[in-house]
Amino acid sequence: MLFNSLEFALFLPLAFIAFWLLFQKNTDHRNLFLIFISYIFYGWWDWRFLLLIVASSFVDFFISQRLSHEKVEKNRKLLVYGSLFFNLGILGVFKYYNFFIENFVDAFRLFGSEIQASTLNFILPVGISFYTFQTLSYTIDVYKGKLEATKDWKAFFAFVCFFPQLVAGPIERASNLLPQFYDKVKFSNKEATDGVRQILWGMFKKVVIADNCAVGVNHIFQNSADYSGGMLLLGGILFAFQIYGDFSGYSDIAIGTARLFGFKLKQNFAFPYFSRNIAEFWRRWHISLSTWFRDYLYIPLGGSRGGNSKRIQNTFIIFLVSGFWHGANWTFIFWGFLNALYFLPLMLANKNRNYLDVAAANSYLPSIRELIQISFTFFITTLAWVFFRADSISHAFAYLGSLFSGLFSFSSYQVAMQYVLENLGTYTLLSILFLLVVEWMQRRKQHGLDLSFSKEWRVGRWSLYFTVVVSILLFGSFESSDFIYFQF
């Protein structure tokens, strides 16, 4: 079930009303209800997907129970290896099996040998990379003694399948979300109201920004051989806003929806396109995944301890694995590799922890230096996004080659502007500008419509809400297009 679908528009209010009228007081009944509606939400795509998420929930619940009683370290390691094998195994089969088989065959072909190997005709289960990482981190935390294994299977199953964040995150830690399923919840008008505002902002980013940018992105990338310079730069910029609007929009809707039911999820995006270097960007982009890899891969590998060679090695591992997590394609792996190259100079110069506060912290406008830093970071991020969007490595390099060859061609920018006016409309550019202005003003907050002004600002607030709603109704795309991260 898509957030931007008619089905969800009917599902959400019905679930909300039933939750608060019938299941608020008893936590067991409430959790069973959440499991029920979450399975309906997830099974809407294909009921067979439910078998995997139920299996993942059962395996990690059972293993964590055994871990809580097992004292022999050898047996404890075998148990946690069992969780790793199961969770990464289903990822490997459903997401990566064909990739490895195809590359194995290609490798033999390079040496003049032909081998026969069958691929699997599987549908990739929606959200599999998200909920497997969520259950896996729980088991690892129990193994390390950071978390006590829960005996409440209903709370655990609800934690795994909680529908707002089930399909595309945020990837929640059990230490934050699981205890919320033990506690009784009380309806908070303030939380619910702000949740609705966050849903509204997320919907604006998805249907107005992302889906309208997608029209231009698809055309330019599919016909990139016919263009150069400004037109290809436009395609990269449009994709940068498409993927941001799409993914951060999903996160906003997920977090806002959870708040309607009295649950608090972690912020997943912190206005990353206002970052002053690539290290700051990665602290602000897909925060739940970045911190997951930091805590469960980078630090266990040794982190920044040791000499430069060890730091470089761990940095490349973390970015390459992050790229591979996104998809079984060399384009994603190279995207991770390129970001590692961006990150490396900052790490070696010990500047990767600079800029922990927001840009222009004490003023309304950035300084010239900050503006240059933000623009440069956005530019190199956009170049990396080309590999993320391209069909192949060769396509991405050809795209960038044509882009740079005509970068200073005035005529290519005329073509780009004409294309925007004739095919995307000025409202697309104005919507992006509106997004940037609102989020710049709100860069210290949780989301774009996180407005906590005094009563004197009431007219301004409602004018902003009205503008967002009208923009969605007039310029939004309501074809129920998938969110990009559903494929991951």
Protein backbone atom coordinates (compact mmCIF):
# COMPACT_ATOMS: atom_id res chain seq x y z
CA MET A 1 0.00 0.00 0.00
CA LEU A 2 1.47 3.33 -1.05
CA PHE A 3 1.36 6.43 1.13
CA ASN A 4 0.32 8.45 -1.93
CA SER A 5 -2.61 6.19 -2.84
CA LEU A 6 -6.36 6.30 -2.39
CA GLU A 7 -6.19 3.03 -0.45
CA PHE A 8 -3.93 4.59 2.17
CA ALA A 9 -6.13 7.69 2.33
CA LEU A 10 -8.95 5.36 3.42
CA PHE A 11 -6.81 2.99 5.49
CA LEU A 12 -5.14 5.60 7.72
CA PRO A 13 -8.24 7.34 9.19
CA LEU A 14 -9.98 4.01 9.77
CA ALA A 15 -6.93 2.58 11.54
CA PHE A 16 -6.49 5.81 13.53
CA ILE A 17 -10.10 5.87 14.74
CA ALA A 18 -10.14 2.18 15.65
CA PHE A 19 -6.80 2.47 17.44
CA TRP A 20 -7.85 5.28 19.75
CA LEU A 21 -11.46 4.19 20.30
CA LEU A 22 -10.97 0.46 20.80
CA PHE A 23 -7.35 -0.42 21.54
CA GLN A 24 -5.83 2.44 23.50
CA LYS A 25 -6.02 1.05 27.04
CA ASN A 26 -4.82 -2.55 26.75
CA THR A 27 -1.26 -2.83 25.43
CA ASP A 28 -1.63 -6.48 24.35
CA HIS A 29 -4.76 -5.76 22.35
CA ARG A 30 -3.17 -2.60 20.95
CA ASN A 31 -0.07 -4.46 19.77
CA LEU A 32 -2.13 -7.25 18.21
CA PHE A 33 -4.16 -4.61 16.39
CA LEU A 34 -0.98 -2.92 15.14
CA ILE A 35 0.35 -6.26 13.90
CA PHE A 36 -2.95 -6.93 12.14
CA ILE A 37 -3.15 -3.59 10.33
CA SER A 38 0.58 -3.63 9.57
CA TYR A 39 0.24 -7.02 7.89
CA ILE A 40 -2.72 -5.71 5.88
CA PHE A 41 -0.65 -2.68 4.87
CA TYR A 42 2.37 -4.81 3.89
CA GLY A 43 0.42 -7.68 2.33
CA TRP A 44 -1.43 -5.25 0.07
CA TRP A 45 1.42 -5.62 -2.47
CA ASP A 46 1.62 -9.40 -2.28
CA TRP A 47 0.45 -11.57 0.61
CA ARG A 48 3.42 -13.91 0.04
CA PHE A 49 5.74 -11.18 1.32
CA LEU A 50 4.23 -11.71 4.76
CA LEU A 51 5.83 -15.14 5.06
CA LEU A 52 9.31 -13.59 5.10
CA ILE A 53 8.59 -10.87 7.62
CA VAL A 54 6.84 -13.33 9.95
CA ALA A 55 9.80 -15.72 9.62
CA SER A 56 12.31 -12.92 10.29
CA SER A 57 10.37 -11.83 13.37
CA PHE A 58 10.09 -15.39 14.71
CA VAL A 59 13.76 -16.28 14.14
CA ASP A 60 15.16 -13.21 15.90
CA PHE A 61 12.64 -13.41 18.73
CA PHE A 62 13.57 -17.07 19.31
CA ILE A 63 17.33 -16.45 19.05
CA SER A 64 17.19 -13.49 21.43
CA GLN A 65 15.33 -15.63 23.95
CA ARG A 66 18.04 -18.28 23.75
CA LEU A 67 20.75 -15.63 24.07
CA SER A 68 19.22 -14.32 27.26
CA HIS A 69 19.64 -17.74 28.92
CA GLU A 70 22.81 -19.02 27.27
CA LYS A 71 26.03 -18.42 29.24
CA VAL A 72 28.55 -20.32 27.11
CA GLU A 73 30.22 -17.83 24.77
CA LYS A 74 30.72 -20.36 21.99
CA ASN A 75 27.01 -21.16 21.93
CA ARG A 76 26.10 -17.47 22.10
CA LYS A 77 28.25 -16.80 19.04
CA LEU A 78 26.59 -19.67 17.19
CA LEU A 79 23.19 -18.15 17.97
CA VAL A 80 24.09 -14.68 16.72
CA TYR A 81 25.72 -16.24 13.64
CA GLY A 82 22.40 -17.98 13.05
CA SER A 83 20.65 -14.61 13.01
CA LEU A 84 23.27 -13.22 10.65
CA PHE A 85 23.02 -16.25 8.37
CA PHE A 86 19.23 -16.10 8.22
CA ASN A 87 18.79 -12.36 7.75
CA LEU A 88 21.68 -11.85 5.35
CA GLY A 89 20.78 -15.16 3.69
CA ILE A 90 17.29 -14.07 2.68
CA LEU A 91 18.77 -10.77 1.48
CA GLY A 92 21.35 -12.70 -0.51
CA VAL A 93 18.79 -14.97 -2.15
CA PHE A 94 16.11 -12.43 -2.97
CA LYS A 95 18.27 -9.39 -3.69
CA TYR A 96 21.76 -10.49 -4.72
CA TYR A 97 21.64 -14.07 -6.02
CA ASN A 98 21.07 -13.12 -9.66
CA PHE A 99 23.74 -10.40 -9.46
CA PHE A 100 26.39 -12.86 -8.31
CA ILE A 101 25.35 -15.53 -10.80
CA GLU A 102 25.39 -13.12 -13.74
CA ASN A 103 28.80 -11.72 -12.78
CA PHE A 104 30.15 -15.23 -12.22
CA VAL A 105 29.10 -16.19 -15.75
CA ASP A 106 30.56 -12.96 -17.18
CA ALA A 107 33.90 -13.59 -15.42
CA PHE A 108 34.22 -17.01 -17.07
CA ARG A 109 33.23 -15.52 -20.41
CA LEU A 110 36.18 -13.11 -20.18
CA PHE A 111 38.51 -16.09 -20.16
CA GLY A 112 36.78 -17.71 -23.12
CA SER A 113 34.70 -20.20 -21.17
CA GLU A 114 30.94 -20.52 -21.34
CA ILE A 115 29.09 -21.94 -18.35
CA GLN A 116 25.40 -22.41 -17.78
CA ALA A 117 23.86 -21.03 -14.60
CA SER A 118 20.23 -20.44 -13.82
CA THR A 119 18.94 -17.23 -12.31
CA LEU A 120 15.91 -16.99 -10.04
CA ASN A 121 12.68 -15.35 -11.13
CA PHE A 122 11.91 -13.76 -7.76
CA ILE A 123 9.94 -10.64 -6.97
CA LEU A 124 12.04 -8.54 -4.59
CA PRO A 125 10.02 -8.28 -1.36
CA VAL A 126 9.28 -4.65 -0.56
CA GLY A 127 11.31 -3.24 2.33
CA ILE A 128 13.34 -6.41 2.90
CA SER A 129 16.59 -4.47 3.40
CA PHE A 130 14.97 -2.34 6.08
CA TYR A 131 13.24 -4.85 8.33
CA THR A 132 16.07 -7.41 8.16
CA PHE A 133 18.53 -4.76 9.37
CA GLN A 134 16.10 -3.78 12.13
CA THR A 135 15.71 -7.32 13.48
CA LEU A 136 19.41 -8.07 13.03
CA SER A 137 20.49 -5.03 15.06
CA TYR A 138 18.13 -6.12 17.87
CA THR A 139 19.74 -9.56 18.10
CA ILE A 140 23.26 -8.10 17.99
CA ASP A 141 22.38 -5.66 20.80
CA VAL A 142 21.00 -8.53 22.91
CA TYR A 143 24.17 -10.55 22.25
CA LYS A 144 26.39 -7.64 23.31
CA GLY A 145 24.37 -7.06 26.46
CA LYS A 146 23.22 -3.61 25.37
CA LEU A 147 19.59 -4.69 25.42
CA GLU A 148 17.57 -7.17 27.42
CA ALA A 149 15.68 -9.69 25.30
CA THR A 150 11.95 -9.08 25.37
CA LYS A 151 9.60 -11.86 26.45
CA ASP A 152 6.62 -10.10 24.90
CA TRP A 153 6.29 -11.55 21.39
CA LYS A 154 3.41 -9.24 20.56
CA ALA A 155 5.49 -6.14 21.30
CA PHE A 156 8.43 -7.54 19.31
CA PHE A 157 6.37 -8.50 16.27
CA ALA A 158 4.71 -5.06 16.33
CA PHE A 159 8.15 -3.44 16.56
CA VAL A 160 9.33 -5.32 13.45
CA CYS A 161 6.24 -4.75 11.29
CA PHE A 162 5.08 -1.30 12.50
CA PHE A 163 3.54 -0.13 9.25
CA PRO A 164 4.61 3.55 9.02
CA GLN A 165 8.33 2.70 8.82
CA LEU A 166 8.14 -0.90 7.64
CA VAL A 167 8.78 -0.42 3.92
CA ALA A 168 11.47 2.28 3.71
CA GLY A 169 12.50 3.16 7.23
CA PRO A 170 13.69 4.88 9.28
CA ILE A 171 15.59 1.76 10.40
CA GLU A 172 14.68 1.97 14.06
CA ARG A 173 16.77 0.63 16.92
CA ALA A 174 15.01 -1.57 19.42
CA SER A 175 16.41 0.59 22.23
CA ASN A 176 14.30 3.50 20.97
CA LEU A 177 11.15 1.97 19.49
CA LEU A 178 10.57 -1.36 21.26
CA PRO A 179 9.96 0.11 24.76
CA GLN A 180 7.20 2.26 23.27
CA PHE A 181 5.19 -0.91 22.62
CA TYR A 182 5.27 -1.76 26.33
CA ASP A 183 3.87 1.56 27.51
CA LYS A 184 0.31 2.77 27.45
CA VAL A 185 -0.20 5.65 25.06
CA LYS A 186 -2.28 8.75 25.54
CA PHE A 187 -3.61 10.83 22.73
CA SER A 188 -1.74 14.12 22.39
CA ASN A 189 -3.39 16.78 20.30
CA LYS A 190 -0.08 18.61 19.98
CA GLU A 191 1.76 15.50 18.71
CA ALA A 192 -1.08 14.51 16.38
CA THR A 193 -1.34 18.01 14.93
CA ASP A 194 2.37 18.22 14.28
CA GLY A 195 2.22 14.70 12.85
CA VAL A 196 -0.36 15.86 10.33
CA ARG A 197 1.87 18.81 9.41
CA GLN A 198 4.82 16.47 8.88
CA ILE A 199 2.69 14.16 6.71
CA LEU A 200 1.58 17.19 4.69
CA TRP A 201 5.17 18.32 4.14
CA GLY A 202 6.25 14.81 3.20
CA MET A 203 3.40 14.54 0.71
CA PHE A 204 4.40 17.87 -0.83
CA LYS A 205 7.97 16.65 -1.28
CA LYS A 206 6.78 13.39 -2.86
CA VAL A 207 3.94 14.36 -5.21
CA VAL A 208 4.98 17.92 -6.07
CA ILE A 209 8.78 17.83 -5.99
CA ALA A 210 9.83 14.22 -6.61
CA ASP A 211 7.16 13.11 -9.05
CA ASN A 212 7.34 16.25 -11.18
CA CYS A 213 11.14 16.15 -11.26
CA ALA A 214 10.89 12.48 -12.31
CA VAL A 215 9.35 13.50 -15.64
CA GLY A 216 12.43 15.48 -16.60
CA VAL A 217 14.85 12.98 -15.07
CA ASN A 218 13.43 10.03 -17.00
CA HIS A 219 13.46 11.91 -20.31
CA ILE A 220 17.00 13.29 -19.91
CA PHE A 221 18.60 10.07 -18.71
CA GLN A 222 16.86 7.98 -21.36
CA ASN A 223 18.00 10.36 -24.09
CA SER A 224 21.31 11.50 -22.60
CA ALA A 225 23.22 10.76 -25.82
CA ASP A 226 21.27 13.56 -27.51
CA TYR A 227 22.22 16.20 -24.96
CA SER A 228 25.25 17.85 -23.39
CA GLY A 229 26.26 20.50 -20.88
CA GLY A 230 23.43 22.37 -19.30
CA MET A 231 20.75 19.85 -20.21
CA LEU A 232 22.60 16.97 -18.56
CA LEU A 233 23.43 19.14 -15.55
CA LEU A 234 19.71 19.86 -15.31
CA GLY A 235 19.01 16.12 -15.35
CA GLY A 236 21.45 15.57 -12.48
CA ILE A 237 20.02 18.43 -10.42
CA LEU A 238 16.46 17.28 -11.02
CA PHE A 239 17.39 13.78 -9.88
CA ALA A 240 19.05 15.17 -6.76
CA PHE A 241 15.75 16.81 -5.83
CA GLN A 242 13.72 13.81 -6.99
CA ILE A 243 15.50 11.35 -4.73
CA TYR A 244 15.54 13.79 -1.82
CA GLY A 245 11.86 14.64 -2.20
CA ASP A 246 10.97 11.00 -2.65
CA PHE A 247 12.94 9.47 0.22
CA SER A 248 12.84 12.25 2.78
CA GLY A 249 9.17 12.70 1.85
CA TYR A 250 8.56 9.04 2.72
CA SER A 251 10.39 9.48 6.03
CA ASP A 252 8.32 12.56 6.90
CA ILE A 253 5.07 10.72 6.15
CA ALA A 254 6.25 7.70 8.15
CA ILE A 255 7.34 9.73 11.18
CA GLY A 256 4.19 11.88 11.05
CA THR A 257 1.94 8.81 10.78
CA ALA A 258 3.68 7.16 13.74
CA ARG A 259 3.04 10.29 15.79
CA LEU A 260 -0.68 9.98 15.06
CA PHE A 261 -0.56 6.64 16.90
CA GLY A 262 1.52 8.00 19.78
CA PHE A 263 4.92 6.65 18.65
CA LYS A 264 8.11 8.62 18.12
CA LEU A 265 10.53 7.65 15.35
CA LYS A 266 14.00 9.08 14.87
CA GLN A 267 14.65 11.89 12.40
CA ASN A 268 16.01 10.38 9.18
CA PHE A 269 16.93 13.52 7.20
CA ALA A 270 18.29 16.77 8.60
CA PHE A 271 18.22 19.05 5.53
CA PRO A 272 21.30 17.45 3.91
CA TYR A 273 21.54 19.78 0.89
CA PHE A 274 22.61 22.59 3.21
CA SER A 275 25.76 20.65 4.16
CA ARG A 276 29.15 22.34 3.87
CA ASN A 277 31.16 19.20 3.13
CA ILE A 278 30.47 15.58 2.28
CA ALA A 279 31.00 14.39 5.86
CA GLU A 280 28.25 16.72 7.07
CA PHE A 281 26.07 15.52 4.21
CA TRP A 282 26.38 11.92 5.39
CA ARG A 283 25.49 12.92 8.95
CA ARG A 284 22.29 14.44 7.59
CA TRP A 285 21.29 12.01 4.82
CA HIS A 286 19.48 8.71 5.63
CA ILE A 287 20.66 9.04 9.22
CA SER A 288 19.25 5.70 10.37
CA LEU A 289 21.24 3.74 7.76
CA SER A 290 24.45 5.76 8.18
CA THR A 291 24.44 5.25 11.94
CA TRP A 292 23.54 1.57 11.50
CA PHE A 293 26.64 0.97 9.37
CA ARG A 294 28.72 3.03 11.78
CA ASP A 295 27.65 1.03 14.84
CA TYR A 296 27.41 -2.47 13.39
CA LEU A 297 30.15 -2.46 10.75
CA TYR A 298 32.57 0.48 10.96
CA ILE A 299 33.22 0.38 14.72
CA PRO A 300 33.50 -3.45 14.89
CA LEU A 301 36.07 -3.24 12.07
CA GLY A 302 38.14 -0.92 14.24
CA GLY A 303 36.66 2.41 13.24
CA SER A 304 39.21 5.21 13.20
CA ARG A 305 41.57 3.36 15.52
CA GLY A 306 44.96 2.43 14.10
CA GLY A 307 46.98 4.01 11.32
CA ASN A 308 45.82 5.76 8.19
CA SER A 309 45.81 2.55 6.16
CA LYS A 310 43.29 1.01 8.57
CA ARG A 311 41.12 4.12 8.52
CA ILE A 312 41.17 4.23 4.72
CA GLN A 313 40.32 0.54 4.51
CA ASN A 314 37.35 0.85 6.89
CA THR A 315 36.08 3.97 5.15
CA PHE A 316 36.03 2.25 1.77
CA ILE A 317 34.38 -0.85 3.23
CA ILE A 318 31.60 1.17 4.82
CA PHE A 319 30.82 3.14 1.65
CA LEU A 320 31.10 0.15 -0.70
CA VAL A 321 28.79 -1.93 1.50
CA SER A 322 26.40 1.02 1.72
CA GLY A 323 26.35 1.22 -2.06
CA PHE A 324 25.78 -2.53 -2.38
CA TRP A 325 22.97 -2.34 0.20
CA HIS A 326 21.12 -0.04 -2.17
CA GLY A 327 21.03 -2.51 -4.99
CA ALA A 328 22.58 -5.39 -6.90
CA ASN A 329 24.21 -3.26 -9.58
CA TRP A 330 27.75 -2.02 -10.14
CA THR A 331 26.39 1.52 -10.42
CA PHE A 332 25.51 1.53 -6.71
CA ILE A 333 28.88 0.10 -5.75
CA PHE A 334 30.69 2.77 -7.76
CA TRP A 335 28.43 5.42 -6.19
CA GLY A 336 29.63 4.21 -2.79
CA PHE A 337 33.24 4.18 -4.00
CA LEU A 338 32.96 7.76 -5.27
CA ASN A 339 31.55 8.96 -1.96
CA ALA A 340 34.44 7.25 -0.17
CA LEU A 341 36.85 9.22 -2.37
CA TYR A 342 35.01 12.43 -1.48
CA PHE A 343 35.18 11.57 2.22
CA LEU A 344 38.82 10.49 2.32
CA PRO A 345 40.57 13.93 2.26
CA LEU A 346 38.37 15.19 5.10
CA MET A 347 39.12 12.12 7.20
CA LEU A 348 42.88 12.25 6.60
CA ALA A 349 42.91 15.96 7.46
CA ASN A 350 40.78 15.26 10.58
CA LYS A 351 38.08 17.62 9.29
CA ASN A 352 35.29 15.08 9.00
CA ARG A 353 33.85 16.20 12.35
CA ASN A 354 33.68 19.85 11.36
CA TYR A 355 30.32 21.55 10.99
CA LEU A 356 28.30 19.81 13.66
CA ASP A 357 25.94 22.77 13.83
CA VAL A 358 23.69 24.06 11.06
CA ALA A 359 24.96 26.47 8.42
CA ALA A 360 24.58 30.17 9.24
CA ALA A 361 23.88 29.26 12.84
CA ASN A 362 23.72 32.88 13.99
CA SER A 363 22.23 34.58 10.96
CA TYR A 364 19.44 34.29 8.42
CA LEU A 365 21.73 34.02 5.42
CA PRO A 366 24.90 32.00 4.84
CA SER A 367 28.22 33.75 4.44
CA ILE A 368 29.86 33.80 1.00
CA ARG A 369 32.22 31.05 2.20
CA GLU A 370 29.34 28.90 3.41
CA LEU A 371 27.41 29.47 0.20
CA ILE A 372 30.40 28.30 -1.85
CA GLN A 373 30.84 25.25 0.40
CA ILE A 374 27.15 24.33 0.20
CA SER A 375 27.11 24.78 -3.59
CA PHE A 376 30.26 22.70 -4.08
CA THR A 377 28.99 19.91 -1.83
CA PHE A 378 25.69 19.86 -3.69
CA PHE A 379 27.53 19.79 -7.04
CA ILE A 380 29.75 16.80 -6.23
CA THR A 381 26.79 15.02 -4.63
CA THR A 382 24.83 15.57 -7.84
CA LEU A 383 27.69 14.10 -9.88
CA ALA A 384 27.64 11.01 -7.66
CA TRP A 385 23.86 10.73 -8.04
CA VAL A 386 24.40 10.22 -11.79
CA PHE A 387 25.86 6.78 -11.03
CA PHE A 388 22.94 6.07 -8.71
CA ARG A 389 20.43 6.82 -11.48
CA ALA A 390 22.25 5.58 -14.58
CA ASP A 391 21.46 2.20 -16.14
CA SER A 392 25.10 1.10 -16.13
CA ILE A 393 28.62 2.26 -15.34
CA SER A 394 29.26 3.00 -19.02
CA HIS A 395 26.05 5.02 -19.22
CA ALA A 396 27.08 7.08 -16.18
CA PHE A 397 30.56 7.83 -17.56
CA ALA A 398 29.14 8.72 -20.97
CA TYR A 399 26.61 10.99 -19.26
CA LEU A 400 29.29 12.80 -17.24
CA GLY A 401 31.62 13.01 -20.24
CA SER A 402 28.96 14.78 -22.29
CA LEU A 403 28.04 16.95 -19.32
CA PHE A 404 31.58 18.27 -18.84
CA SER A 405 32.28 18.61 -22.55
CA GLY A 406 29.44 21.08 -22.89
CA LEU A 407 29.48 22.57 -19.41
CA PHE A 408 30.38 26.04 -20.67
CA SER A 409 28.15 25.94 -23.74
CA PHE A 410 25.61 28.75 -23.45
CA SER A 411 23.34 27.12 -26.03
CA SER A 412 23.00 23.97 -23.90
CA TYR A 413 21.59 26.05 -21.05
CA GLN A 414 19.13 27.68 -23.44
CA VAL A 415 17.98 24.19 -24.44
CA ALA A 416 17.65 23.25 -20.76
CA MET A 417 15.61 26.33 -19.90
CA GLN A 418 13.37 25.83 -22.91
CA TYR A 419 12.80 22.21 -21.92
CA VAL A 420 11.83 23.23 -18.38
CA LEU A 421 9.36 25.85 -19.58
CA GLU A 422 7.77 23.62 -22.21
CA ASN A 423 7.71 20.29 -20.40
CA LEU A 424 8.02 20.79 -16.65
CA GLY A 425 6.47 24.21 -16.21
CA THR A 426 7.68 27.10 -14.12
CA TYR A 427 5.79 25.62 -11.15
CA THR A 428 8.42 22.87 -10.86
CA LEU A 429 11.22 25.42 -10.46
CA LEU A 430 9.10 27.54 -8.12
CA SER A 431 8.26 24.46 -6.04
CA ILE A 432 11.94 23.60 -5.65
CA LEU A 433 12.69 27.20 -4.69
CA PHE A 434 9.80 27.12 -2.20
CA LEU A 435 11.17 23.88 -0.72
CA LEU A 436 14.64 25.37 -0.30
CA VAL A 437 13.36 28.57 1.32
CA VAL A 438 11.08 26.78 3.79
CA GLU A 439 13.67 24.18 4.77
CA TRP A 440 16.40 26.78 5.10
CA MET A 441 14.25 28.72 7.54
CA GLN A 442 13.44 25.48 9.38
CA ARG A 443 16.93 23.95 9.30
CA ARG A 444 17.08 23.67 13.11
CA LYS A 445 13.72 21.89 13.28
CA GLN A 446 12.54 18.33 12.64
CA HIS A 447 10.74 19.08 9.37
CA GLY A 448 9.68 21.89 7.08
CA LEU A 449 6.33 22.60 8.75
CA ASP A 450 7.58 22.23 12.33
CA LEU A 451 6.23 25.65 13.25
CA SER A 452 6.19 26.71 16.87
CA PHE A 453 5.69 30.44 16.54
CA SER A 454 3.68 32.59 18.89
CA LYS A 455 0.04 33.42 18.22
CA GLU A 456 1.03 36.55 16.31
CA TRP A 457 2.36 34.26 13.53
CA ARG A 458 -0.97 32.48 13.06
CA VAL A 459 -1.74 34.21 9.75
CA GLY A 460 1.72 33.37 8.41
CA ARG A 461 1.44 29.74 9.50
CA TRP A 462 -1.93 29.20 7.93
CA SER A 463 -0.81 30.96 4.76
CA LEU A 464 2.06 28.49 4.55
CA TYR A 465 -0.24 25.51 5.12
CA PHE A 466 -2.63 26.85 2.49
CA THR A 467 0.22 27.23 -0.02
CA VAL A 468 1.36 23.63 0.56
CA VAL A 469 -2.15 22.19 0.26
CA VAL A 470 -2.94 24.18 -2.90
CA SER A 471 0.39 23.16 -4.42
CA ILE A 472 -0.40 19.49 -3.76
CA LEU A 473 -3.88 19.78 -5.24
CA LEU A 474 -2.88 21.82 -8.31
CA PHE A 475 0.59 20.51 -9.13
CA GLY A 476 0.83 17.13 -7.42
CA SER A 477 1.11 13.93 -9.39
CA PHE A 478 -1.53 11.46 -8.19
CA GLU A 479 -0.61 8.43 -10.27
CA SER A 480 0.42 6.54 -7.11
CA SER A 481 4.00 6.19 -8.31
CA ASP A 482 6.27 4.00 -6.20
CA PHE A 483 8.82 5.50 -3.84
CA ILE A 484 12.36 5.05 -5.18
CA TYR A 485 13.59 3.29 -2.04
CA PHE A 486 10.96 0.55 -2.33
CA GLN A 487 13.39 -1.22 -4.69
CA PHE A 488 15.99 -1.38 -1.92
